[in-house]
């Protein structure tokens, strides 16, 4: 009887895994279809495509979660002892690179919001940022199971957080010269806060 119960539990787990895989594959197909419908002769270059025909070869990379940093909470942190993760607001949004399935070329990125298992494109990235994300993940051998995209919208700062058993490292996806932040450069939590906090605390809300 015990063996039967164990086998039944294993079968349920395997079936659930296949269901989730199939559901994700269907969701990805829906996202690609929506993206293809948005691309036309006038805008294909803004999606990183070299021709309209290239839109037939789109594929998605692996999705990673997206969080934003609450600026009011960020301003209250102490760089010597606090963790920026305490300011995260998790969103029902995933970040994907968009790839040419034939060449593997990184074209752009999309953010997809999922509600009640229904995915919808929330926003588009740009080619440079998507390529920096891909390069950073590849160069540092980061697992998509252990990373997330984190944004500080008010400061127009986006970075990858890579977490492991020893803590987190942060990889900016854009250059912020006035903060001495370089894209792709690994930064510890302490260094990130030391560079960002002074500016965040005196930020007046005007566009950067």
C-alpha atoms as a PDB file:
ATOM      1  CA  UNK A   1       0.000   0.000   0.000  1.00  0.00           C
ATOM      2  CA  UNK A   2       2.830   2.411   0.921  1.00  0.00           C
ATOM      3  CA  UNK A   3       4.529   1.765  -2.439  1.00  0.00           C
ATOM      4  CA  UNK A   4       1.262   2.470  -4.270  1.00  0.00           C
ATOM      5  CA  UNK A   5       0.843   5.778  -2.398  1.00  0.00           C
ATOM      6  CA  UNK A   6       4.424   6.808  -3.212  1.00  0.00           C
ATOM      7  CA  UNK A   7       3.970   5.919  -6.893  1.00  0.00           C
ATOM      8  CA  UNK A   8       0.671   7.801  -7.012  1.00  0.00           C
ATOM      9  CA  UNK A   9       2.249  10.906  -5.476  1.00  0.00           C
ATOM     10  CA  UNK A  10       5.132  10.714  -7.951  1.00  0.00           C
ATOM     11  CA  UNK A  11       2.713  10.346 -10.854  1.00  0.00           C
ATOM     12  CA  UNK A  12       0.756  13.404  -9.708  1.00  0.00           C
ATOM     13  CA  UNK A  13       3.992  15.398  -9.415  1.00  0.00           C
ATOM     14  CA  UNK A  14       5.113  14.384 -12.931  1.00  0.00           C
ATOM     15  CA  UNK A  15       1.705  15.161 -14.431  1.00  0.00           C
ATOM     16  CA  UNK A  16       1.679  18.549 -12.709  1.00  0.00           C
ATOM     17  CA  UNK A  17       5.139  19.245 -14.115  1.00  0.00           C
ATOM     18  CA  UNK A  18       4.020  18.382 -17.656  1.00  0.00           C
ATOM     19  CA  UNK A  19       0.908  20.555 -17.233  1.00  0.00           C
ATOM     20  CA  UNK A  20       2.926  23.569 -16.078  1.00  0.00           C
ATOM     21  CA  UNK A  21       5.410  23.080 -18.917  1.00  0.00           C
ATOM     22  CA  UNK A  22       2.609  22.876 -21.487  1.00  0.00           C
ATOM     23  CA  UNK A  23       0.880  25.910 -19.978  1.00  0.00           C
ATOM     24  CA  UNK A  24       4.096  27.954 -20.088  1.00  0.00           C
ATOM     25  CA  UNK A  25       4.709  26.917 -23.691  1.00  0.00           C
ATOM     26  CA  UNK A  26       1.179  28.006 -24.629  1.00  0.00           C
ATOM     27  CA  UNK A  27       1.637  31.293 -22.783  1.00  0.00           C
ATOM     28  CA  UNK A  28       4.890  31.943 -24.635  1.00  0.00           C
ATOM     29  CA  UNK A  29       3.181  31.227 -27.949  1.00  0.00           C
ATOM     30  CA  UNK A  30       0.442  33.731 -27.066  1.00  0.00           C
ATOM     31  CA  UNK A  31       3.034  36.375 -26.164  1.00  0.00           C
ATOM     32  CA  UNK A  32       4.908  35.868 -29.436  1.00  0.00           C
ATOM     33  CA  UNK A  33       1.658  36.020 -31.405  1.00  0.00           C
ATOM     34  CA  UNK A  34       0.705  39.303 -29.724  1.00  0.00           C
ATOM     35  CA  UNK A  35       4.170  40.711 -30.355  1.00  0.00           C
ATOM     36  CA  UNK A  36       4.045  39.750 -34.019  1.00  0.00           C
ATOM     37  CA  UNK A  37       0.697  41.497 -34.381  1.00  0.00           C
ATOM     38  CA  UNK A  38       2.221  44.710 -33.035  1.00  0.00           C
ATOM     39  CA  UNK A  39       5.146  44.714 -35.472  1.00  0.00           C
ATOM     40  CA  UNK A  40       4.658  46.334 -38.857  1.00  0.00           C
ATOM     41  CA  UNK A  41       6.567  47.894 -41.738  1.00  0.00           C
ATOM     42  CA  UNK A  42       6.845  51.218 -39.923  1.00  0.00           C
ATOM     43  CA  UNK A  43       8.114  50.043 -36.522  1.00  0.00           C
ATOM     44  CA  UNK A  44      10.024  46.770 -36.973  1.00  0.00           C
ATOM     45  CA  UNK A  45      13.411  48.472 -36.528  1.00  0.00           C
ATOM     46  CA  UNK A  46      12.398  49.753 -33.089  1.00  0.00           C
ATOM     47  CA  UNK A  47      12.022  46.106 -32.041  1.00  0.00           C
ATOM     48  CA  UNK A  48      15.602  45.367 -33.082  1.00  0.00           C
ATOM     49  CA  UNK A  49      14.594  43.572 -36.279  1.00  0.00           C
ATOM     50  CA  UNK A  50      16.499  43.928 -39.530  1.00  0.00           C
ATOM     51  CA  UNK A  51      13.362  43.254 -41.591  1.00  0.00           C
ATOM     52  CA  UNK A  52       9.651  42.721 -41.100  1.00  0.00           C
ATOM     53  CA  UNK A  53      10.069  39.113 -42.225  1.00  0.00           C
ATOM     54  CA  UNK A  54      12.304  38.491 -39.195  1.00  0.00           C
ATOM     55  CA  UNK A  55       9.230  38.796 -36.968  1.00  0.00           C
ATOM     56  CA  UNK A  56       8.280  35.275 -38.086  1.00  0.00           C
ATOM     57  CA  UNK A  57      11.317  33.913 -36.240  1.00  0.00           C
ATOM     58  CA  UNK A  58      10.721  35.343 -32.780  1.00  0.00           C
ATOM     59  CA  UNK A  59      11.203  33.308 -29.609  1.00  0.00           C
ATOM     60  CA  UNK A  60      11.361  34.113 -25.902  1.00  0.00           C
ATOM     61  CA  UNK A  61      14.220  33.543 -23.501  1.00  0.00           C
ATOM     62  CA  UNK A  62      13.551  32.245 -19.996  1.00  0.00           C
ATOM     63  CA  UNK A  63      11.373  34.533 -17.910  1.00  0.00           C
ATOM     64  CA  UNK A  64      12.620  35.989 -14.625  1.00  0.00           C
ATOM     65  CA  UNK A  65      10.596  37.867 -11.985  1.00  0.00           C
ATOM     66  CA  UNK A  66      10.546  41.656 -11.767  1.00  0.00           C
ATOM     67  CA  UNK A  67      10.547  43.757  -8.586  1.00  0.00           C
ATOM     68  CA  UNK A  68      10.592  47.490  -8.088  1.00  0.00           C
ATOM     69  CA  UNK A  69      12.212  49.461  -5.290  1.00  0.00           C
ATOM     70  CA  UNK A  70       9.990  51.815  -3.318  1.00  0.00           C
ATOM     71  CA  UNK A  71      11.851  55.143  -3.312  1.00  0.00           C
ATOM     72  CA  UNK A  72      10.376  56.327  -0.008  1.00  0.00           C
ATOM     73  CA  UNK A  73      11.621  53.173   1.712  1.00  0.00           C
ATOM     74  CA  UNK A  74      14.981  53.337  -0.076  1.00  0.00           C
ATOM     75  CA  UNK A  75      15.603  56.820   1.323  1.00  0.00           C
ATOM     76  CA  UNK A  76      15.261  55.483   4.868  1.00  0.00           C
ATOM     77  CA  UNK A  77      17.944  52.800   4.562  1.00  0.00           C
ATOM     78  CA  UNK A  78      21.359  52.824   6.189  1.00  0.00           C
ATOM     79  CA  UNK A  79      24.029  51.637   3.758  1.00  0.00           C
ATOM     80  CA  UNK A  80      26.152  50.220   6.586  1.00  0.00           C
ATOM     81  CA  UNK A  81      23.573  47.725   7.823  1.00  0.00           C
ATOM     82  CA  UNK A  82      20.416  47.575   5.683  1.00  0.00           C
ATOM     83  CA  UNK A  83      19.528  45.436   2.666  1.00  0.00           C
ATOM     84  CA  UNK A  84      17.963  46.940  -0.450  1.00  0.00           C
ATOM     85  CA  UNK A  85      15.779  43.831  -0.718  1.00  0.00           C
ATOM     86  CA  UNK A  86      13.715  45.156   2.199  1.00  0.00           C
ATOM     87  CA  UNK A  87      12.345  47.806  -0.190  1.00  0.00           C
ATOM     88  CA  UNK A  88      11.275  45.383  -2.945  1.00  0.00           C
ATOM     89  CA  UNK A  89       7.725  45.365  -4.229  1.00  0.00           C
ATOM     90  CA  UNK A  90       7.178  42.091  -6.066  1.00  0.00           C
ATOM     91  CA  UNK A  91       5.035  42.293  -9.189  1.00  0.00           C
ATOM     92  CA  UNK A  92       3.092  39.658 -11.184  1.00  0.00           C
ATOM     93  CA  UNK A  93       5.461  40.490 -14.039  1.00  0.00           C
ATOM     94  CA  UNK A  94       8.233  38.550 -15.761  1.00  0.00           C
ATOM     95  CA  UNK A  95      11.069  39.864 -17.907  1.00  0.00           C
ATOM     96  CA  UNK A  96      11.891  38.059 -21.173  1.00  0.00           C
ATOM     97  CA  UNK A  97      14.472  38.602 -23.842  1.00  0.00           C
ATOM     98  CA  UNK A  98      13.143  38.325 -27.390  1.00  0.00           C
ATOM     99  CA  UNK A  99      15.373  36.235 -29.650  1.00  0.00           C
ATOM    100  CA  UNK A 100      15.698  35.390 -33.324  1.00  0.00           C
ATOM    101  CA  UNK A 101      15.112  31.636 -33.104  1.00  0.00           C
ATOM    102  CA  UNK A 102      17.257  30.971 -36.185  1.00  0.00           C
ATOM    103  CA  UNK A 103      20.353  33.000 -35.293  1.00  0.00           C
ATOM    104  CA  UNK A 104      20.080  33.321 -31.508  1.00  0.00           C
ATOM    105  CA  UNK A 105      20.473  37.091 -31.833  1.00  0.00           C
ATOM    106  CA  UNK A 106      19.036  39.115 -28.946  1.00  0.00           C
ATOM    107  CA  UNK A 107      16.534  41.539 -30.459  1.00  0.00           C
ATOM    108  CA  UNK A 108      14.748  43.277 -27.598  1.00  0.00           C
ATOM    109  CA  UNK A 109      12.910  42.484 -24.354  1.00  0.00           C
ATOM    110  CA  UNK A 110       9.350  42.465 -23.064  1.00  0.00           C
ATOM    111  CA  UNK A 111       7.752  42.489 -19.654  1.00  0.00           C
ATOM    112  CA  UNK A 112       4.712  40.282 -19.318  1.00  0.00           C
ATOM    113  CA  UNK A 113       2.065  40.577 -16.631  1.00  0.00           C
ATOM    114  CA  UNK A 114       0.188  37.389 -15.754  1.00  0.00           C
ATOM    115  CA  UNK A 115      -3.189  37.481 -14.055  1.00  0.00           C
ATOM    116  CA  UNK A 116      -5.368  34.371 -13.675  1.00  0.00           C
ATOM    117  CA  UNK A 117      -2.905  32.515 -15.938  1.00  0.00           C
ATOM    118  CA  UNK A 118      -3.510  35.051 -18.718  1.00  0.00           C
ATOM    119  CA  UNK A 119      -0.298  36.730 -19.939  1.00  0.00           C
ATOM    120  CA  UNK A 120      -0.331  40.253 -21.361  1.00  0.00           C
ATOM    121  CA  UNK A 121       2.587  42.338 -22.615  1.00  0.00           C
ATOM    122  CA  UNK A 122       3.025  45.178 -20.146  1.00  0.00           C
ATOM    123  CA  UNK A 123       5.977  47.036 -21.660  1.00  0.00           C
ATOM    124  CA  UNK A 124       8.845  46.794 -24.119  1.00  0.00           C
ATOM    125  CA  UNK A 125      12.538  47.146 -23.442  1.00  0.00           C
ATOM    126  CA  UNK A 126      15.220  48.049 -25.925  1.00  0.00           C
ATOM    127  CA  UNK A 127      17.912  46.199 -27.814  1.00  0.00           C
ATOM    128  CA  UNK A 128      20.875  47.532 -25.848  1.00  0.00           C
ATOM    129  CA  UNK A 129      19.381  46.726 -22.456  1.00  0.00           C
ATOM    130  CA  UNK A 130      18.282  43.248 -23.600  1.00  0.00           C
ATOM    131  CA  UNK A 131      21.752  42.511 -24.968  1.00  0.00           C
ATOM    132  CA  UNK A 132      23.400  43.721 -21.755  1.00  0.00           C
ATOM    133  CA  UNK A 133      21.085  41.455 -19.741  1.00  0.00           C
ATOM    134  CA  UNK A 134      21.969  38.462 -21.929  1.00  0.00           C
ATOM    135  CA  UNK A 135      25.698  39.251 -21.891  1.00  0.00           C
ATOM    136  CA  UNK A 136      25.730  39.667 -18.101  1.00  0.00           C
ATOM    137  CA  UNK A 137      23.891  36.390 -17.510  1.00  0.00           C
ATOM    138  CA  UNK A 138      26.193  34.514 -19.909  1.00  0.00           C
ATOM    139  CA  UNK A 139      29.481  36.109 -18.808  1.00  0.00           C
ATOM    140  CA  UNK A 140      28.833  35.511 -15.110  1.00  0.00           C
ATOM    141  CA  UNK A 141      27.195  32.105 -15.640  1.00  0.00           C
ATOM    142  CA  UNK A 142      24.072  33.191 -13.786  1.00  0.00           C
ATOM    143  CA  UNK A 143      21.178  30.783 -13.413  1.00  0.00           C
ATOM    144  CA  UNK A 144      17.797  32.205 -14.369  1.00  0.00           C
ATOM    145  CA  UNK A 145      16.432  30.252 -11.379  1.00  0.00           C
ATOM    146  CA  UNK A 146      18.345  32.552  -9.001  1.00  0.00           C
ATOM    147  CA  UNK A 147      18.002  35.991 -10.579  1.00  0.00           C
ATOM    148  CA  UNK A 148      15.459  38.758 -10.912  1.00  0.00           C
ATOM    149  CA  UNK A 149      15.279  42.121 -12.635  1.00  0.00           C
ATOM    150  CA  UNK A 150      15.038  44.966 -10.135  1.00  0.00           C
ATOM    151  CA  UNK A 151      14.056  48.524 -11.015  1.00  0.00           C
ATOM    152  CA  UNK A 152      14.266  51.860  -9.269  1.00  0.00           C
ATOM    153  CA  UNK A 153      11.853  53.665 -11.607  1.00  0.00           C
ATOM    154  CA  UNK A 154      12.353  57.155 -10.193  1.00  0.00           C
ATOM    155  CA  UNK A 155      16.114  56.924 -10.750  1.00  0.00           C
ATOM    156  CA  UNK A 156      15.759  55.093 -14.085  1.00  0.00           C
ATOM    157  CA  UNK A 157      18.039  52.365 -12.726  1.00  0.00           C
ATOM    158  CA  UNK A 158      17.628  48.692 -13.639  1.00  0.00           C
ATOM    159  CA  UNK A 159      19.802  45.804 -12.556  1.00  0.00           C
ATOM    160  CA  UNK A 160      19.967  42.051 -12.181  1.00  0.00           C
ATOM    161  CA  UNK A 161      19.988  40.653  -8.670  1.00  0.00           C
ATOM    162  CA  UNK A 162      21.781  37.306  -8.502  1.00  0.00           C
ATOM    163  CA  UNK A 163      21.253  35.525  -5.199  1.00  0.00           C
ATOM    164  CA  UNK A 164      23.022  32.507  -3.734  1.00  0.00           C
ATOM    165  CA  UNK A 165      23.777  31.057  -0.305  1.00  0.00           C
ATOM    166  CA  UNK A 166      26.383  33.769   0.381  1.00  0.00           C
ATOM    167  CA  UNK A 167      24.144  36.727  -0.463  1.00  0.00           C
ATOM    168  CA  UNK A 168      23.354  38.817  -3.526  1.00  0.00           C
ATOM    169  CA  UNK A 169      25.301  40.615  -6.212  1.00  0.00           C
ATOM    170  CA  UNK A 170      23.822  43.340  -8.391  1.00  0.00           C
ATOM    171  CA  UNK A 171      24.614  43.911 -12.064  1.00  0.00           C
ATOM    172  CA  UNK A 172      23.428  47.274 -13.480  1.00  0.00           C
ATOM    173  CA  UNK A 173      21.884  47.108 -16.949  1.00  0.00           C
ATOM    174  CA  UNK A 174      22.587  50.741 -17.779  1.00  0.00           C
ATOM    175  CA  UNK A 175      25.396  53.225 -17.194  1.00  0.00           C
ATOM    176  CA  UNK A 176      24.701  55.865 -14.564  1.00  0.00           C
ATOM    177  CA  UNK A 177      27.811  58.039 -14.728  1.00  0.00           C
ATOM    178  CA  UNK A 178      26.638  60.492 -12.092  1.00  0.00           C
ATOM    179  CA  UNK A 179      26.289  57.582  -9.659  1.00  0.00           C
ATOM    180  CA  UNK A 180      29.558  55.967 -10.756  1.00  0.00           C
ATOM    181  CA  UNK A 181      27.616  52.881 -11.824  1.00  0.00           C
ATOM    182  CA  UNK A 182      28.757  50.955 -14.882  1.00  0.00           C
ATOM    183  CA  UNK A 183      26.607  48.445 -16.728  1.00  0.00           C
ATOM    184  CA  UNK A 184      27.524  44.806 -16.155  1.00  0.00           C
ATOM    185  CA  UNK A 185      29.750  45.594 -13.157  1.00  0.00           C
ATOM    186  CA  UNK A 186      29.090  43.385 -10.118  1.00  0.00           C
ATOM    187  CA  UNK A 187      28.189  45.412  -7.028  1.00  0.00           C
ATOM    188  CA  UNK A 188      27.541  44.250  -3.473  1.00  0.00           C
ATOM    189  CA  UNK A 189      24.490  45.408  -1.552  1.00  0.00           C
ATOM    190  CA  UNK A 190      26.640  47.696   0.584  1.00  0.00           C
ATOM    191  CA  UNK A 191      28.366  49.306  -2.398  1.00  0.00           C
ATOM    192  CA  UNK A 192      25.105  49.700  -4.291  1.00  0.00           C
ATOM    193  CA  UNK A 193      23.481  51.509  -1.382  1.00  0.00           C
ATOM    194  CA  UNK A 194      26.569  53.635  -0.769  1.00  0.00           C
ATOM    195  CA  UNK A 195      26.439  54.854  -4.372  1.00  0.00           C
ATOM    196  CA  UNK A 196      22.665  55.212  -4.771  1.00  0.00           C
ATOM    197  CA  UNK A 197      21.469  56.415  -1.360  1.00  0.00           C
ATOM    198  CA  UNK A 198      22.981  59.924  -1.307  1.00  0.00           C
ATOM    199  CA  UNK A 199      21.359  60.741  -4.648  1.00  0.00           C
ATOM    200  CA  UNK A 200      18.055  59.076  -3.727  1.00  0.00           C
ATOM    201  CA  UNK A 201      17.834  61.024  -0.474  1.00  0.00           C
ATOM    202  CA  UNK A 202      18.202  64.390  -2.221  1.00  0.00           C
ATOM    203  CA  UNK A 203      16.213  63.438  -5.335  1.00  0.00           C
ATOM    204  CA  UNK A 204      13.533  66.076  -5.962  1.00  0.00           C
ATOM    205  CA  UNK A 205      11.234  64.043  -8.194  1.00  0.00           C
ATOM    206  CA  UNK A 206      12.102  65.768 -11.453  1.00  0.00           C
ATOM    207  CA  UNK A 207      12.840  63.566 -14.502  1.00  0.00           C
ATOM    208  CA  UNK A 208      16.477  62.473 -14.755  1.00  0.00           C
END
